[in-house]
Amino acid sequence: MTIHEAALQLRFQLFHLYDEREAGNIAELVMEHITGWQKIDRVVNKTAVLSGQQAQLLQSFTDELQTHKPLQYVLQEAWFYGMRLYVDENVLIPRPETEELVDWLIKEARKSAPPVRSVLDIGTGSGCIPLAIKKNLPAVEMYSCDISEGALQVAKRNAATHNLDIHFHALNILVEQDRNQLPLFDAIISNPPYIPVAEKAAMAANVLAFEPSLALFVPDDQPLLFYSAIAEFALAHLAASGIIYLEIHEALGAAVVALLKEKGFSGITIRKDLQGRDRMIQVRR
């Protein structure tokens, strides 16, 4: 089977799962992964025949994709802030909104006075947040925590791949005794679980089937569970001039702001994502 024939076959096999454009994009990414060639190279070499190993990979990837498994888990890679990361079902697939949150912190930190010397990421998952910050702010002492040992193994693997020094901690931020093990920080950043369980019915099947529920959902009667814990932690572990950056549910902006004010914080800014939704909050001490 030639490269061109393989791409057409895969696209055809995905039509019942995705629209034509998305099926085409997925097929292109799979073929790039299998061949190691960019699109222009695959066009020039479209009559090149797949090796036996490449054909086996194609069949394996096709079988997985047809179960609705997200492409990133199939290829075990995702891009975040210009970095290729390993991902598996222990961690969430990094989202563009989280890139926007990280970008906000990085740009603010570059002009900060006094300088940002230490940052904590809460709920690290794949490690995408601390790795992006450390790569772009190498002088920062970067800390990261997660309750999931599986997630921490993925994050440590990515840190080793990119040769970035991160202090990883296995702990439950909801448990006061756990979080009090951590030192003082100039900035805290988090994309915590914030989706009420009741919203599961409206979510895509591939998200529910493959992405870790632990990193997504909170009880319907406690939508601000993690924001409350982070705020209480910050009262004791955020420097006097420190800043908090939080990703939020688009419908919970006002509620999170009210909670933070109740805890004694001010200087609160809500920012919309590129889709025009309230998705990020910055809190100045």
Protein backbone atom coordinates (compact mmCIF):
# COMPACT_ATOMS: atom_id res chain seq x y z
CA MET A 1 0.00 0.00 0.00
CA THR A 2 1.36 3.42 -0.94
CA ILE A 3 1.39 6.45 1.36
CA HIS A 4 -1.33 8.08 -0.74
CA GLU A 5 -3.53 4.99 -0.67
CA ALA A 6 -3.05 4.59 3.08
CA ALA A 7 -4.14 8.18 3.77
CA LEU A 8 -7.24 7.80 1.59
CA GLN A 9 -8.16 4.51 3.26
CA LEU A 10 -7.82 5.93 6.77
CA ARG A 11 -9.84 9.01 5.88
CA PHE A 12 -12.62 6.82 4.47
CA GLN A 13 -12.65 4.64 7.61
CA LEU A 14 -13.11 7.72 9.82
CA PHE A 15 -15.99 9.30 7.92
CA HIS A 16 -18.62 7.63 10.12
CA LEU A 17 -16.99 9.11 13.25
CA TYR A 18 -15.90 12.58 12.14
CA ASP A 19 -16.87 15.16 9.55
CA GLU A 20 -14.86 15.22 6.34
CA ARG A 21 -12.49 17.98 7.42
CA GLU A 22 -11.66 16.46 10.81
CA ALA A 23 -11.26 12.99 9.33
CA GLY A 24 -8.81 14.45 6.83
CA ASN A 25 -6.83 16.27 9.54
CA ILE A 26 -6.60 13.12 11.67
CA ALA A 27 -5.46 11.07 8.67
CA GLU A 28 -2.74 13.62 7.90
CA LEU A 29 -1.45 13.57 11.48
CA VAL A 30 -1.44 9.77 11.62
CA MET A 31 0.47 9.54 8.35
CA GLU A 32 2.98 12.12 9.53
CA HIS A 33 3.51 10.11 12.71
CA ILE A 34 3.91 6.81 10.84
CA THR A 35 6.22 8.06 8.09
CA GLY A 36 8.07 10.84 9.89
CA TRP A 37 7.45 13.05 6.82
CA GLN A 38 5.77 16.44 6.64
CA LYS A 39 2.85 16.83 4.22
CA ILE A 40 4.97 18.19 1.36
CA ASP A 41 7.31 15.21 1.63
CA ARG A 42 4.39 12.80 1.63
CA VAL A 43 2.98 14.45 -1.49
CA VAL A 44 6.33 14.23 -3.29
CA ASN A 45 6.69 10.59 -2.18
CA LYS A 46 3.04 9.58 -2.43
CA THR A 47 3.84 6.41 -4.37
CA ALA A 48 6.31 5.20 -1.73
CA VAL A 49 5.15 1.90 -0.24
CA LEU A 50 4.60 1.51 3.50
CA SER A 51 6.92 -0.94 5.20
CA GLY A 52 5.45 -3.92 7.03
CA GLN A 53 5.97 -2.18 10.37
CA GLN A 54 4.33 1.01 9.13
CA ALA A 55 1.36 -0.95 7.79
CA GLN A 56 0.95 -2.65 11.17
CA LEU A 57 1.05 0.71 12.94
CA LEU A 58 -1.56 2.08 10.57
CA GLN A 59 -3.90 -0.84 11.29
CA SER A 60 -3.36 -0.54 15.04
CA PHE A 61 -4.03 3.21 15.01
CA THR A 62 -7.12 2.74 12.82
CA ASP A 63 -8.55 0.13 15.18
CA GLU A 64 -8.04 2.43 18.18
CA LEU A 65 -9.49 5.48 16.43
CA GLN A 66 -12.61 3.53 15.54
CA THR A 67 -13.32 3.04 19.25
CA HIS A 68 -13.61 6.87 19.55
CA LYS A 69 -10.24 6.99 21.30
CA PRO A 70 -8.84 10.53 20.97
CA LEU A 71 -6.00 10.91 18.48
CA GLN A 72 -3.62 12.22 21.15
CA TYR A 73 -3.99 9.02 23.17
CA VAL A 74 -3.65 6.88 20.07
CA LEU A 75 -0.38 8.56 19.06
CA GLN A 76 0.57 9.17 22.72
CA GLU A 77 1.55 12.74 22.01
CA ALA A 78 0.11 16.23 22.25
CA TRP A 79 1.50 19.69 21.60
CA PHE A 80 1.41 22.42 24.23
CA TYR A 81 3.05 25.84 24.05
CA GLY A 82 5.40 24.63 21.31
CA MET A 83 6.41 21.44 23.12
CA ARG A 84 5.67 17.85 22.09
CA LEU A 85 4.47 15.96 25.17
CA TYR A 86 3.79 12.32 25.94
CA VAL A 87 0.17 11.73 27.01
CA ASP A 88 -1.85 8.69 27.96
CA GLU A 89 -5.15 8.03 29.70
CA ASN A 90 -3.71 8.97 33.11
CA VAL A 91 -3.82 12.65 32.09
CA LEU A 92 -6.07 15.15 30.37
CA ILE A 93 -5.26 16.13 26.81
CA PRO A 94 -3.86 19.70 27.05
CA ARG A 95 -6.31 22.35 25.82
CA PRO A 96 -5.76 25.71 24.08
CA GLU A 97 -7.47 27.52 26.97
CA THR A 98 -4.77 26.28 29.32
CA GLU A 99 -2.12 27.60 26.93
CA GLU A 100 -3.78 31.00 27.22
CA LEU A 101 -3.64 30.80 31.03
CA VAL A 102 0.06 29.87 30.95
CA ASP A 103 0.79 32.63 28.46
CA TRP A 104 -0.86 35.14 30.80
CA LEU A 105 1.40 34.12 33.69
CA ILE A 106 4.57 34.07 31.60
CA LYS A 107 3.99 37.53 30.13
CA GLU A 108 3.12 39.02 33.52
CA ALA A 109 6.11 37.36 35.20
CA ARG A 110 8.55 38.77 32.64
CA LYS A 111 7.66 42.33 33.68
CA SER A 112 7.06 41.63 37.37
CA ALA A 113 8.78 43.63 40.08
CA PRO A 114 9.76 42.07 42.40
CA PRO A 115 10.63 39.11 40.17
CA VAL A 116 8.70 35.85 40.30
CA ARG A 117 11.10 33.34 41.84
CA SER A 118 8.84 30.39 42.62
CA VAL A 119 5.64 29.01 41.08
CA LEU A 120 3.34 26.15 42.09
CA ASP A 121 1.13 24.30 39.62
CA ILE A 122 -1.74 22.46 41.29
CA GLY A 123 -3.05 19.35 39.50
CA THR A 124 -0.22 18.96 37.04
CA GLY A 125 -1.55 16.13 34.86
CA SER A 126 0.82 15.78 31.89
CA GLY A 127 3.07 18.48 33.30
CA CYS A 128 2.18 20.82 30.45
CA ILE A 129 1.79 23.89 32.69
CA PRO A 130 5.01 23.66 34.75
CA LEU A 131 7.07 22.59 31.74
CA ALA A 132 5.92 25.54 29.64
CA ILE A 133 6.59 27.95 32.50
CA LYS A 134 10.03 26.52 33.32
CA LYS A 135 11.08 26.47 29.66
CA ASN A 136 10.14 30.13 29.20
CA LEU A 137 11.12 31.34 32.67
CA PRO A 138 14.21 29.23 33.42
CA ALA A 139 15.14 31.19 36.57
CA VAL A 140 11.84 30.25 38.24
CA GLU A 141 11.86 27.48 40.86
CA MET A 142 8.97 25.36 39.59
CA TYR A 143 6.86 23.11 41.82
CA SER A 144 4.00 20.84 40.80
CA CYS A 145 1.59 18.54 42.61
CA ASP A 146 -1.05 15.96 41.77
CA ILE A 147 -3.01 13.29 43.63
CA SER A 148 -2.59 10.80 40.76
CA GLU A 149 0.59 8.73 40.73
CA GLY A 150 -0.11 7.84 37.11
CA ALA A 151 -0.27 11.51 36.15
CA LEU A 152 2.94 12.27 38.03
CA GLN A 153 4.76 9.52 36.15
CA VAL A 154 3.65 11.09 32.85
CA ALA A 155 4.69 14.56 34.03
CA LYS A 156 8.10 13.31 35.20
CA ARG A 157 8.62 11.56 31.87
CA ASN A 158 7.91 14.79 30.01
CA ALA A 159 10.18 16.78 32.30
CA ALA A 160 13.01 14.32 31.65
CA THR A 161 12.41 14.42 27.89
CA HIS A 162 12.68 18.21 27.85
CA ASN A 163 15.46 18.30 30.46
CA LEU A 164 13.52 20.65 32.73
CA ASP A 165 13.90 20.61 36.51
CA ILE A 166 10.52 20.49 38.27
CA HIS A 167 9.85 19.65 41.93
CA PHE A 168 6.99 17.14 41.78
CA HIS A 169 4.89 16.27 44.84
CA ALA A 170 2.28 13.56 45.29
CA LEU A 171 -0.43 15.09 47.47
CA ASN A 172 -4.12 15.90 47.74
CA ILE A 173 -4.63 19.66 47.67
CA LEU A 174 -8.01 19.17 49.35
CA VAL A 175 -6.30 17.80 52.47
CA GLU A 176 -4.86 20.55 54.66
CA GLN A 177 -2.17 18.32 56.14
CA ASP A 178 -0.99 17.39 52.64
CA ARG A 179 -0.87 20.89 51.20
CA ASN A 180 0.86 22.35 54.23
CA GLN A 181 3.97 20.35 53.29
CA LEU A 182 4.58 22.89 50.52
CA PRO A 183 6.60 26.11 50.96
CA LEU A 184 5.79 29.75 50.12
CA PHE A 185 5.30 30.77 46.45
CA ASP A 186 5.33 33.95 44.41
CA ALA A 187 2.68 32.58 42.06
CA ILE A 188 0.16 29.74 42.03
CA ILE A 189 -1.46 28.40 38.87
CA SER A 190 -4.07 25.70 38.42
CA ASN A 191 -6.48 24.12 35.98
CA PRO A 192 -8.42 22.16 38.62
CA PRO A 193 -11.44 19.89 38.19
CA TYR A 194 -14.49 22.14 37.78
CA ILE A 195 -17.14 20.34 35.68
CA PRO A 196 -20.27 19.37 37.66
CA VAL A 197 -21.14 15.68 37.34
CA ALA A 198 -24.55 16.69 35.97
CA GLU A 199 -22.88 17.98 32.80
CA LYS A 200 -21.64 14.53 31.81
CA ALA A 201 -24.75 13.94 29.72
CA ALA A 202 -23.82 16.83 27.40
CA MET A 203 -20.17 15.88 26.96
CA ALA A 204 -18.53 14.06 24.06
CA ALA A 205 -18.41 10.30 24.38
CA ASN A 206 -14.67 10.13 23.75
CA VAL A 207 -13.97 12.50 26.65
CA LEU A 208 -16.09 10.46 29.06
CA ALA A 209 -14.70 7.13 27.89
CA PHE A 210 -11.00 7.98 27.86
CA GLU A 211 -10.06 11.11 29.82
CA PRO A 212 -9.60 10.73 33.61
CA SER A 213 -12.74 11.66 35.54
CA LEU A 214 -10.61 12.55 38.55
CA ALA A 215 -9.20 15.53 36.63
CA LEU A 216 -12.53 16.70 35.23
CA PHE A 217 -15.45 16.45 37.63
CA VAL A 218 -16.60 17.85 40.94
CA PRO A 219 -19.78 17.01 42.89
CA ASP A 220 -22.85 18.94 41.73
CA ASP A 221 -23.28 20.44 45.20
CA GLN A 222 -19.60 21.53 45.45
CA PRO A 223 -18.71 23.23 42.14
CA LEU A 224 -16.14 25.46 43.86
CA LEU A 225 -14.51 22.67 45.87
CA PHE A 226 -11.00 23.11 44.47
CA TYR A 227 -11.13 26.91 44.26
CA SER A 228 -11.96 27.05 47.95
CA ALA A 229 -9.05 24.76 48.84
CA ILE A 230 -6.63 26.69 46.62
CA ALA A 231 -7.72 30.00 48.16
CA GLU A 232 -7.27 28.67 51.70
CA PHE A 233 -3.86 27.28 50.76
CA ALA A 234 -2.84 30.59 49.18
CA LEU A 235 -3.68 32.55 52.33
CA ALA A 236 -0.78 30.78 54.04
CA HIS A 237 1.49 29.92 51.12
CA LEU A 238 1.36 32.88 48.73
CA ALA A 239 3.91 35.68 49.09
CA ALA A 240 2.70 39.16 50.03
CA SER A 241 2.90 40.37 46.42
CA GLY A 242 1.91 37.00 44.96
CA ILE A 243 -0.51 36.23 42.13
CA ILE A 244 -2.89 33.33 41.47
CA TYR A 245 -3.91 32.18 37.97
CA LEU A 246 -6.93 29.90 37.66
CA GLU A 247 -8.75 28.26 34.78
CA ILE A 248 -12.49 28.27 35.44
CA HIS A 249 -15.79 26.92 34.17
CA GLU A 250 -17.28 29.55 31.84
CA ALA A 251 -20.48 29.66 33.91
CA LEU A 252 -18.77 30.00 37.29
CA GLY A 253 -16.77 33.22 36.92
CA ALA A 254 -18.97 35.32 39.21
CA ALA A 255 -19.17 32.53 41.80
CA VAL A 256 -15.38 32.07 41.89
CA VAL A 257 -14.87 35.83 42.23
CA ALA A 258 -17.36 35.96 45.11
CA LEU A 259 -15.60 33.06 46.82
CA LEU A 260 -12.18 34.72 46.49
CA LYS A 261 -13.49 38.00 47.88
CA GLU A 262 -15.07 36.14 50.78
CA LYS A 263 -11.67 34.57 51.51
CA GLY A 264 -10.11 38.03 51.64
CA PHE A 265 -8.59 38.41 48.18
CA SER A 266 -8.86 41.48 45.96
CA GLY A 267 -7.35 42.62 42.68
CA ILE A 268 -9.37 39.99 40.79
CA THR A 269 -9.47 39.99 36.98
CA ILE A 270 -11.56 37.71 34.77
CA ARG A 271 -10.26 37.13 31.25
CA LYS A 272 -12.10 35.65 28.29
CA ASP A 273 -10.55 32.95 26.11
CA LEU A 274 -10.23 33.23 22.33
CA GLN A 275 -13.82 31.98 22.02
CA GLY A 276 -15.11 34.88 24.09
CA ARG A 277 -15.91 32.80 27.18
CA ASP A 278 -14.97 33.66 30.79
CA ARG A 279 -12.29 31.02 31.37
CA MET A 280 -9.43 32.54 33.41
CA ILE A 281 -9.01 34.48 36.63
CA GLN A 282 -6.00 36.37 37.96
CA VAL A 283 -5.90 37.20 41.66
CA ARG A 284 -3.40 39.64 43.17
CA ARG A 285 -2.65 39.41 46.87
